[in-house]
Amino acid sequence: MKVILLENLRTFGSIGDIIDVKRGFARNYLLVNKKALYASKKNISEVNKIKSDLGKKELERKKEAKITAEKIDGKNYSIKKLSTENKELYGSVKPTEISKIILEKEKLDIKPSLIQLAKEIKSLGTFKAKIDLHSEVQAKISIEVIPAETIE
């Protein structure tokens, strides 16, 4: 299915590009989140007319993402979790939990879907996470998992 991008998407293209994607991805993600339009002749001409406005909006989003990245980039966040004697967690630390901690400490609402963990957090220690705030702006944070109490 051919669609016209209304946003810069790192893996697909930039504003105004006509790309070919699978129907499900177009219907369930791109069109629903207003990141693309069906590539009809009418839509192509409309996008060409409003391309500069879309570019300005994209620049604003990028500026906001940079400001957010400056606030959290390189920071260390601690999470207390129940653990066993051999430092394994009961459960794991998910992006949702990391998002809540950033909201508490920094007053920034970051969607869990933007947080990418290098590997699944299932033990005590320090872990790296990358946050994709914009197609061109990323922030890296450290997650330190400390024991809340040890259960024997």
C-alpha atoms as a PDB file:
ATOM      1  CA  MET A   1       0.000   0.000   0.000  1.00  0.00           C
ATOM      2  CA  LYS A   2       1.380   3.396  -0.937  1.00  0.00           C
ATOM      3  CA  VAL A   3       1.221   6.205   1.634  1.00  0.00           C
ATOM      4  CA  ILE A   4       2.560   9.768   1.913  1.00  0.00           C
ATOM      5  CA  LEU A   5       4.527  10.529   5.078  1.00  0.00           C
ATOM      6  CA  LEU A   6       3.391  13.508   7.153  1.00  0.00           C
ATOM      7  CA  GLU A   7       6.335  13.122   9.581  1.00  0.00           C
ATOM      8  CA  ASN A   8       9.996  12.238   9.401  1.00  0.00           C
ATOM      9  CA  LEU A   9      10.295   8.566  10.295  1.00  0.00           C
ATOM     10  CA  ARG A  10      13.876   7.390  10.727  1.00  0.00           C
ATOM     11  CA  THR A  11      13.519   3.977   9.080  1.00  0.00           C
ATOM     12  CA  PHE A  12      11.077   4.978   6.315  1.00  0.00           C
ATOM     13  CA  GLY A  13      11.689   8.491   5.019  1.00  0.00           C
ATOM     14  CA  SER A  14      10.922  12.163   5.464  1.00  0.00           C
ATOM     15  CA  ILE A  15       7.884  14.429   5.067  1.00  0.00           C
ATOM     16  CA  GLY A  16       6.211  14.171   1.671  1.00  0.00           C
ATOM     17  CA  ASP A  17       7.904  10.893   0.680  1.00  0.00           C
ATOM     18  CA  ILE A  18       5.666   8.302  -0.934  1.00  0.00           C
ATOM     19  CA  ILE A  19       6.545   4.892   0.455  1.00  0.00           C
ATOM     20  CA  ASP A  20       5.208   1.381   0.031  1.00  0.00           C
ATOM     21  CA  VAL A  21       4.314  -0.387   3.293  1.00  0.00           C
ATOM     22  CA  LYS A  22       2.249  -3.370   4.336  1.00  0.00           C
ATOM     23  CA  ARG A  23      -1.494  -2.729   4.687  1.00  0.00           C
ATOM     24  CA  GLY A  24      -1.618  -3.605   8.387  1.00  0.00           C
ATOM     25  CA  PHE A  25       1.210  -1.242   9.277  1.00  0.00           C
ATOM     26  CA  ALA A  26      -0.399   1.556   7.268  1.00  0.00           C
ATOM     27  CA  ARG A  27      -3.887   1.057   8.723  1.00  0.00           C
ATOM     28  CA  ASN A  28      -2.963   0.224  12.308  1.00  0.00           C
ATOM     29  CA  TYR A  29      -0.080   2.619  12.871  1.00  0.00           C
ATOM     30  CA  LEU A  30       0.668   5.237  10.221  1.00  0.00           C
ATOM     31  CA  LEU A  31      -2.902   6.321   9.388  1.00  0.00           C
ATOM     32  CA  VAL A  32      -4.273   6.021  12.944  1.00  0.00           C
ATOM     33  CA  ASN A  33      -1.445   8.132  14.410  1.00  0.00           C
ATOM     34  CA  LYS A  34      -1.710  10.662  11.552  1.00  0.00           C
ATOM     35  CA  LYS A  35       1.851   9.983  10.433  1.00  0.00           C
ATOM     36  CA  ALA A  36       0.750   9.290   6.843  1.00  0.00           C
ATOM     37  CA  LEU A  37      -2.112   9.598   4.293  1.00  0.00           C
ATOM     38  CA  TYR A  38      -3.224   7.292   1.498  1.00  0.00           C
ATOM     39  CA  ALA A  39      -1.250   8.165  -1.649  1.00  0.00           C
ATOM     40  CA  SER A  40      -4.113   9.374  -3.839  1.00  0.00           C
ATOM     41  CA  LYS A  41      -3.620  12.149  -6.421  1.00  0.00           C
ATOM     42  CA  LYS A  42      -5.665  14.541  -4.275  1.00  0.00           C
ATOM     43  CA  ASN A  43      -3.637  13.795  -1.128  1.00  0.00           C
ATOM     44  CA  ILE A  44      -0.332  14.116  -2.995  1.00  0.00           C
ATOM     45  CA  SER A  45      -1.240  17.615  -4.216  1.00  0.00           C
ATOM     46  CA  GLU A  46      -2.457  18.630  -0.714  1.00  0.00           C
ATOM     47  CA  VAL A  47       0.743  17.398   0.940  1.00  0.00           C
ATOM     48  CA  ASN A  48       2.856  19.315  -1.570  1.00  0.00           C
ATOM     49  CA  LYS A  49       0.913  22.493  -0.664  1.00  0.00           C
ATOM     50  CA  ILE A  50       1.274  22.074   3.095  1.00  0.00           C
ATOM     51  CA  LYS A  51       4.793  20.603   3.094  1.00  0.00           C
ATOM     52  CA  SER A  52       6.343  23.777   4.534  1.00  0.00           C
ATOM     53  CA  ASP A  53       3.835  23.843   7.424  1.00  0.00           C
ATOM     54  CA  LEU A  54       4.586  20.206   8.164  1.00  0.00           C
ATOM     55  CA  GLY A  55       8.298  21.024   8.117  1.00  0.00           C
ATOM     56  CA  LYS A  56       7.773  23.797  10.687  1.00  0.00           C
ATOM     57  CA  LYS A  57       5.780  21.467  12.955  1.00  0.00           C
ATOM     58  CA  GLU A  58       8.521  18.857  12.619  1.00  0.00           C
ATOM     59  CA  LEU A  59      11.149  21.442  13.635  1.00  0.00           C
ATOM     60  CA  GLU A  60       9.078  22.365  16.708  1.00  0.00           C
ATOM     61  CA  ARG A  61       8.790  18.702  17.696  1.00  0.00           C
ATOM     62  CA  LYS A  62      12.533  18.311  17.226  1.00  0.00           C
ATOM     63  CA  LYS A  63      13.239  21.356  19.446  1.00  0.00           C
ATOM     64  CA  GLU A  64      10.975  19.975  22.183  1.00  0.00           C
ATOM     65  CA  ALA A  65      12.684  16.586  21.896  1.00  0.00           C
ATOM     66  CA  LYS A  66      16.125  18.224  22.213  1.00  0.00           C
ATOM     67  CA  ILE A  67      15.051  20.110  25.341  1.00  0.00           C
ATOM     68  CA  THR A  68      13.724  16.882  26.868  1.00  0.00           C
ATOM     69  CA  ALA A  69      16.896  15.023  25.869  1.00  0.00           C
ATOM     70  CA  GLU A  70      19.079  17.652  27.563  1.00  0.00           C
ATOM     71  CA  LYS A  71      17.125  17.188  30.800  1.00  0.00           C
ATOM     72  CA  ILE A  72      17.470  13.402  30.950  1.00  0.00           C
ATOM     73  CA  ASP A  73      20.510  12.444  28.834  1.00  0.00           C
ATOM     74  CA  GLY A  74      23.169  10.656  30.861  1.00  0.00           C
ATOM     75  CA  LYS A  75      21.122  10.609  34.064  1.00  0.00           C
ATOM     76  CA  ASN A  76      20.945   7.666  36.422  1.00  0.00           C
ATOM     77  CA  TYR A  77      17.619   6.435  37.826  1.00  0.00           C
ATOM     78  CA  SER A  78      17.205   3.954  40.677  1.00  0.00           C
ATOM     79  CA  ILE A  79      14.485   1.357  40.980  1.00  0.00           C
ATOM     80  CA  LYS A  80      13.901  -0.743  44.089  1.00  0.00           C
ATOM     81  CA  LYS A  81      12.794  -4.314  43.396  1.00  0.00           C
ATOM     82  CA  LEU A  82      12.382  -7.491  45.389  1.00  0.00           C
ATOM     83  CA  SER A  83      15.220  -9.908  44.689  1.00  0.00           C
ATOM     84  CA  THR A  84      16.477 -13.371  45.581  1.00  0.00           C
ATOM     85  CA  GLU A  85      19.789 -14.180  47.312  1.00  0.00           C
ATOM     86  CA  ASN A  86      21.530 -14.650  43.936  1.00  0.00           C
ATOM     87  CA  LYS A  87      20.530 -11.126  42.826  1.00  0.00           C
ATOM     88  CA  GLU A  88      17.734 -12.163  40.458  1.00  0.00           C
ATOM     89  CA  LEU A  89      14.514 -10.168  40.441  1.00  0.00           C
ATOM     90  CA  TYR A  90      11.014 -11.421  41.004  1.00  0.00           C
ATOM     91  CA  GLY A  91       9.693 -10.309  37.629  1.00  0.00           C
ATOM     92  CA  SER A  92      11.527  -7.702  35.571  1.00  0.00           C
ATOM     93  CA  VAL A  93      11.810  -3.955  35.086  1.00  0.00           C
ATOM     94  CA  LYS A  94       9.647  -2.816  32.155  1.00  0.00           C
ATOM     95  CA  PRO A  95       9.653   0.464  30.193  1.00  0.00           C
ATOM     96  CA  THR A  96       6.355   1.398  31.894  1.00  0.00           C
ATOM     97  CA  GLU A  97       8.101   1.448  35.262  1.00  0.00           C
ATOM     98  CA  ILE A  98      11.009   3.491  33.900  1.00  0.00           C
ATOM     99  CA  SER A  99       8.530   5.964  32.400  1.00  0.00           C
ATOM    100  CA  LYS A 100       6.823   6.398  35.806  1.00  0.00           C
ATOM    101  CA  ILE A 101      10.147   7.072  37.542  1.00  0.00           C
ATOM    102  CA  ILE A 102      11.127   9.712  34.956  1.00  0.00           C
ATOM    103  CA  LEU A 103       7.705  11.331  35.433  1.00  0.00           C
ATOM    104  CA  GLU A 104       8.191  11.415  39.229  1.00  0.00           C
ATOM    105  CA  LYS A 105      11.754  12.747  39.192  1.00  0.00           C
ATOM    106  CA  GLU A 106      11.834  15.006  36.119  1.00  0.00           C
ATOM    107  CA  LYS A 107       8.119  15.814  35.603  1.00  0.00           C
ATOM    108  CA  LEU A 108       8.477  14.640  31.985  1.00  0.00           C
ATOM    109  CA  ASP A 109       5.861  12.366  30.441  1.00  0.00           C
ATOM    110  CA  ILE A 110       7.731   9.882  28.256  1.00  0.00           C
ATOM    111  CA  LYS A 111       5.757   7.131  26.568  1.00  0.00           C
ATOM    112  CA  PRO A 112       6.969   3.620  27.450  1.00  0.00           C
ATOM    113  CA  SER A 113       7.025   2.746  23.742  1.00  0.00           C
ATOM    114  CA  LEU A 114       9.880   5.256  23.255  1.00  0.00           C
ATOM    115  CA  ILE A 115      12.111   3.485  25.812  1.00  0.00           C
ATOM    116  CA  GLN A 116      14.366   0.780  24.395  1.00  0.00           C
ATOM    117  CA  LEU A 117      16.287  -1.411  26.792  1.00  0.00           C
ATOM    118  CA  ALA A 118      19.635  -2.831  25.668  1.00  0.00           C
ATOM    119  CA  LYS A 119      18.625  -6.122  27.299  1.00  0.00           C
ATOM    120  CA  GLU A 120      15.815  -7.272  29.548  1.00  0.00           C
ATOM    121  CA  ILE A 121      16.308  -6.228  33.176  1.00  0.00           C
ATOM    122  CA  LYS A 122      15.911  -9.352  35.327  1.00  0.00           C
ATOM    123  CA  SER A 123      18.651  -8.901  37.940  1.00  0.00           C
ATOM    124  CA  LEU A 124      20.190  -6.306  40.227  1.00  0.00           C
ATOM    125  CA  GLY A 125      22.773  -3.962  38.734  1.00  0.00           C
ATOM    126  CA  THR A 126      23.112  -1.052  36.329  1.00  0.00           C
ATOM    127  CA  PHE A 127      21.579  -1.195  32.850  1.00  0.00           C
ATOM    128  CA  LYS A 128      21.546   1.141  29.855  1.00  0.00           C
ATOM    129  CA  ALA A 129      18.403   2.337  28.084  1.00  0.00           C
ATOM    130  CA  LYS A 130      17.902   4.470  24.978  1.00  0.00           C
ATOM    131  CA  ILE A 131      14.950   6.809  24.587  1.00  0.00           C
ATOM    132  CA  ASP A 132      13.883   7.756  21.047  1.00  0.00           C
ATOM    133  CA  LEU A 133      12.339  11.201  21.542  1.00  0.00           C
ATOM    134  CA  HIS A 134      12.337  12.078  17.816  1.00  0.00           C
ATOM    135  CA  SER A 135      13.554  10.430  14.635  1.00  0.00           C
ATOM    136  CA  GLU A 136      16.786  12.439  15.002  1.00  0.00           C
ATOM    137  CA  VAL A 137      17.008  12.879  18.802  1.00  0.00           C
ATOM    138  CA  GLN A 138      17.860  10.143  21.285  1.00  0.00           C
ATOM    139  CA  ALA A 139      18.776  10.199  24.958  1.00  0.00           C
ATOM    140  CA  LYS A 140      20.691   7.562  26.913  1.00  0.00           C
ATOM    141  CA  ILE A 141      19.994   6.867  30.568  1.00  0.00           C
ATOM    142  CA  SER A 142      21.204   4.382  33.174  1.00  0.00           C
ATOM    143  CA  ILE A 143      18.835   2.296  35.260  1.00  0.00           C
ATOM    144  CA  GLU A 144      20.200   1.074  38.578  1.00  0.00           C
ATOM    145  CA  VAL A 145      18.212  -1.761  40.112  1.00  0.00           C
ATOM    146  CA  ILE A 146      18.711  -1.978  43.881  1.00  0.00           C
ATOM    147  CA  PRO A 147      17.208  -4.480  46.305  1.00  0.00           C
ATOM    148  CA  ALA A 148      14.088  -3.409  48.182  1.00  0.00           C
ATOM    149  CA  GLU A 149      14.473  -6.351  50.531  1.00  0.00           C
ATOM    150  CA  THR A 150      15.720  -9.890  50.133  1.00  0.00           C
ATOM    151  CA  ILE A 151      13.237 -12.761  50.407  1.00  0.00           C
ATOM    152  CA  GLU A 152      14.648 -16.131  51.420  1.00  0.00           C
END
